[in-house]
Amino acid sequence: MTSNLKQNRQISQEKIDKGEYDVFISYNGQDRPRVIEICEQLKDRGIAPFLDQWDLQPGRPWQRALEHQIKTVKSAAIFVGEAGMGSWHEKEMYEFELEFERRGVPVIPVLLPDISTTSELPLFLKSMQWVDFRKTDPDPLERLIWGITGKRPGR
């Protein structure tokens, strides 16, 4: 692991340890492997993603933990793949719609590589600028980080 990668991972982990997440990750469970891969890449860049798989403590009420994150997290990424929106996935999206209105939280639609061009995004997500992992130019990871941090890549 290069020193820069190691340093970024440490920055990400320190934020996670403090419960200061940069982005809430919302996804359909059928898309979990690809979403985890992207979350690992975010951690490599110093971004702290809140991912249920990693961050919900066993033996604790998970709904309260999600509610807390939705009310406090700095941004949200709503991943949509071929499987479409799951039921909890949709509930999270609607809660973030309210948070967007209430406190201006960026809500970033993220299209996974396997989503078809004919798939319909929910109306709220259609109105947001999205990140498209079906394309390589512009770099979708860079665009996702821009959406999360508000800092344009290379500036």
Protein backbone atom coordinates (compact mmCIF):
# COMPACT_ATOMS: atom_id res chain seq x y z
CA MET A 1 0.00 0.00 0.00
CA THR A 2 1.48 3.36 -0.98
CA SER A 3 1.94 5.97 1.75
CA ASN A 4 -0.72 8.28 0.21
CA LEU A 5 -3.24 5.42 0.05
CA LYS A 6 -2.35 4.40 3.60
CA GLN A 7 -2.77 8.00 4.79
CA ASN A 8 -6.15 8.34 3.04
CA ARG A 9 -7.35 5.06 4.57
CA GLN A 10 -6.27 6.34 7.99
CA ILE A 11 -8.15 9.63 7.45
CA SER A 12 -11.27 7.71 6.43
CA GLN A 13 -11.00 5.35 9.41
CA GLU A 14 -10.52 8.20 11.89
CA LYS A 15 -13.74 9.83 10.64
CA ILE A 16 -15.57 6.50 10.85
CA ASP A 17 -14.27 5.89 14.38
CA LYS A 18 -15.70 9.29 15.42
CA GLY A 19 -18.99 8.60 13.63
CA GLU A 20 -18.37 11.52 11.24
CA TYR A 21 -19.38 10.03 7.91
CA ASP A 22 -19.03 11.93 4.65
CA VAL A 23 -21.73 10.05 2.77
CA PHE A 24 -24.67 7.74 3.50
CA ILE A 25 -24.75 4.83 1.05
CA SER A 26 -28.23 3.72 0.00
CA TYR A 27 -28.59 0.73 -2.32
CA ASN A 28 -30.62 -2.32 -3.23
CA GLY A 29 -29.16 -5.40 -1.50
CA GLN A 30 -28.82 -7.14 -4.86
CA ASP A 31 -26.21 -4.51 -5.81
CA ARG A 32 -24.13 -4.95 -2.62
CA PRO A 33 -20.91 -6.38 -4.17
CA ARG A 34 -20.50 -3.50 -6.65
CA VAL A 35 -21.45 -0.90 -4.04
CA ILE A 36 -18.90 -2.29 -1.57
CA GLU A 37 -16.24 -2.09 -4.28
CA ILE A 38 -17.00 1.61 -4.82
CA CYS A 39 -17.05 2.25 -1.06
CA GLU A 40 -13.57 0.71 -0.77
CA GLN A 41 -12.40 3.12 -3.49
CA LEU A 42 -13.92 6.02 -1.56
CA LYS A 43 -12.03 4.99 1.57
CA ASP A 44 -8.84 4.86 -0.53
CA ARG A 45 -9.49 8.56 -1.24
CA GLY A 46 -10.08 9.58 2.40
CA ILE A 47 -13.90 9.54 2.19
CA ALA A 48 -15.83 7.95 5.07
CA PRO A 49 -18.91 6.12 3.71
CA PHE A 50 -21.68 4.96 6.04
CA LEU A 51 -22.53 1.48 4.76
CA ASP A 52 -25.04 -0.63 6.69
CA GLN A 53 -22.98 -3.78 6.09
CA TRP A 54 -20.01 -2.21 7.90
CA ASP A 55 -21.47 0.28 10.31
CA LEU A 56 -24.62 -1.13 11.92
CA GLN A 57 -23.66 -2.67 15.25
CA PRO A 58 -25.10 -6.15 15.88
CA GLY A 59 -27.56 -6.25 18.76
CA ARG A 60 -28.65 -2.63 18.31
CA PRO A 61 -31.85 -1.24 16.71
CA TRP A 62 -30.77 -0.62 13.13
CA GLN A 63 -33.67 1.67 12.24
CA ARG A 64 -32.65 4.22 14.89
CA ALA A 65 -29.06 4.11 13.67
CA LEU A 66 -30.20 4.78 10.10
CA GLU A 67 -32.46 7.59 11.26
CA HIS A 68 -29.56 9.20 13.15
CA GLN A 69 -27.31 9.02 10.09
CA ILE A 70 -29.98 10.43 7.79
CA LYS A 71 -30.39 13.41 10.13
CA THR A 72 -26.66 14.09 10.53
CA VAL A 73 -24.68 12.85 7.52
CA LYS A 74 -23.15 15.40 5.13
CA SER A 75 -24.38 13.81 1.86
CA ALA A 76 -26.15 10.77 0.43
CA ALA A 77 -25.43 8.55 -2.55
CA ILE A 78 -28.42 6.62 -3.87
CA PHE A 79 -27.08 3.72 -5.97
CA VAL A 80 -29.33 2.30 -8.66
CA GLY A 81 -28.49 -0.84 -10.61
CA GLU A 82 -30.34 -3.32 -12.79
CA ALA A 83 -32.38 -4.52 -9.78
CA GLY A 84 -33.89 -1.04 -9.40
CA MET A 85 -35.02 0.40 -6.10
CA GLY A 86 -35.64 -1.85 -3.10
CA SER A 87 -38.31 -1.03 -0.48
CA TRP A 88 -35.91 0.25 2.24
CA HIS A 89 -33.84 1.88 -0.48
CA GLU A 90 -36.89 3.91 -1.54
CA LYS A 91 -37.69 4.88 2.07
CA GLU A 92 -34.15 6.17 2.53
CA MET A 93 -34.41 8.14 -0.71
CA TYR A 94 -37.63 9.83 0.43
CA GLU A 95 -36.10 10.70 3.80
CA PHE A 96 -33.12 12.24 2.06
CA GLU A 97 -35.50 14.22 -0.13
CA LEU A 98 -36.79 15.82 3.07
CA GLU A 99 -33.25 16.39 4.36
CA PHE A 100 -32.32 17.97 1.03
CA GLU A 101 -35.17 20.43 1.52
CA ARG A 102 -34.50 20.96 5.24
CA ARG A 103 -30.71 21.33 5.32
CA GLY A 104 -29.46 21.19 1.75
CA VAL A 105 -27.85 17.75 1.95
CA PRO A 106 -26.55 16.74 -1.49
CA VAL A 107 -28.40 13.64 -2.73
CA ILE A 108 -26.36 12.01 -5.49
CA PRO A 109 -27.99 9.45 -7.79
CA VAL A 110 -25.35 6.89 -8.78
CA LEU A 111 -25.99 4.68 -11.80
CA LEU A 112 -24.20 1.34 -11.53
CA PRO A 113 -22.61 -0.24 -14.63
CA ASP A 114 -25.35 -2.86 -15.06
CA ILE A 115 -28.33 -0.49 -15.16
CA SER A 116 -29.99 -0.49 -18.57
CA THR A 117 -30.49 2.66 -20.56
CA THR A 118 -34.26 2.10 -20.44
CA SER A 119 -34.43 1.94 -16.62
CA GLU A 120 -36.48 4.70 -15.03
CA LEU A 121 -35.14 6.65 -12.09
CA PRO A 122 -37.60 7.82 -9.44
CA LEU A 123 -38.83 11.37 -10.12
CA PHE A 124 -36.84 12.94 -7.26
CA LEU A 125 -33.59 11.39 -8.48
CA LYS A 126 -34.26 12.48 -12.06
CA SER A 127 -34.10 16.10 -10.96
CA MET A 128 -30.60 15.68 -9.49
CA GLN A 129 -27.33 15.59 -11.42
CA TRP A 130 -26.22 11.96 -11.37
CA VAL A 131 -22.98 10.00 -11.50
CA ASP A 132 -22.83 7.34 -14.21
CA PHE A 133 -20.53 4.33 -13.64
CA ARG A 134 -21.42 3.02 -17.11
CA LYS A 135 -19.03 5.63 -18.49
CA THR A 136 -15.35 6.23 -17.86
CA ASP A 137 -15.18 9.83 -19.05
CA PRO A 138 -15.63 11.86 -17.01
CA ASP A 139 -14.28 9.62 -14.24
CA PRO A 140 -17.35 8.56 -12.23
CA LEU A 141 -15.43 8.12 -8.96
CA GLU A 142 -14.06 11.67 -9.26
CA ARG A 143 -17.59 12.98 -9.93
CA LEU A 144 -18.96 11.06 -6.94
CA ILE A 145 -16.26 12.53 -4.69
CA TRP A 146 -17.08 16.01 -6.04
CA GLY A 147 -20.74 15.46 -5.16
CA ILE A 148 -19.80 14.26 -1.66
CA THR A 149 -17.20 16.90 -0.80
CA GLY A 150 -18.32 19.83 -2.93
CA LYS A 151 -14.73 20.14 -4.19
CA ARG A 152 -14.26 19.84 -7.92
CA PRO A 153 -11.46 17.39 -8.87
CA GLY A 154 -8.14 18.96 -9.76
CA ARG A 155 -8.91 22.26 -8.08
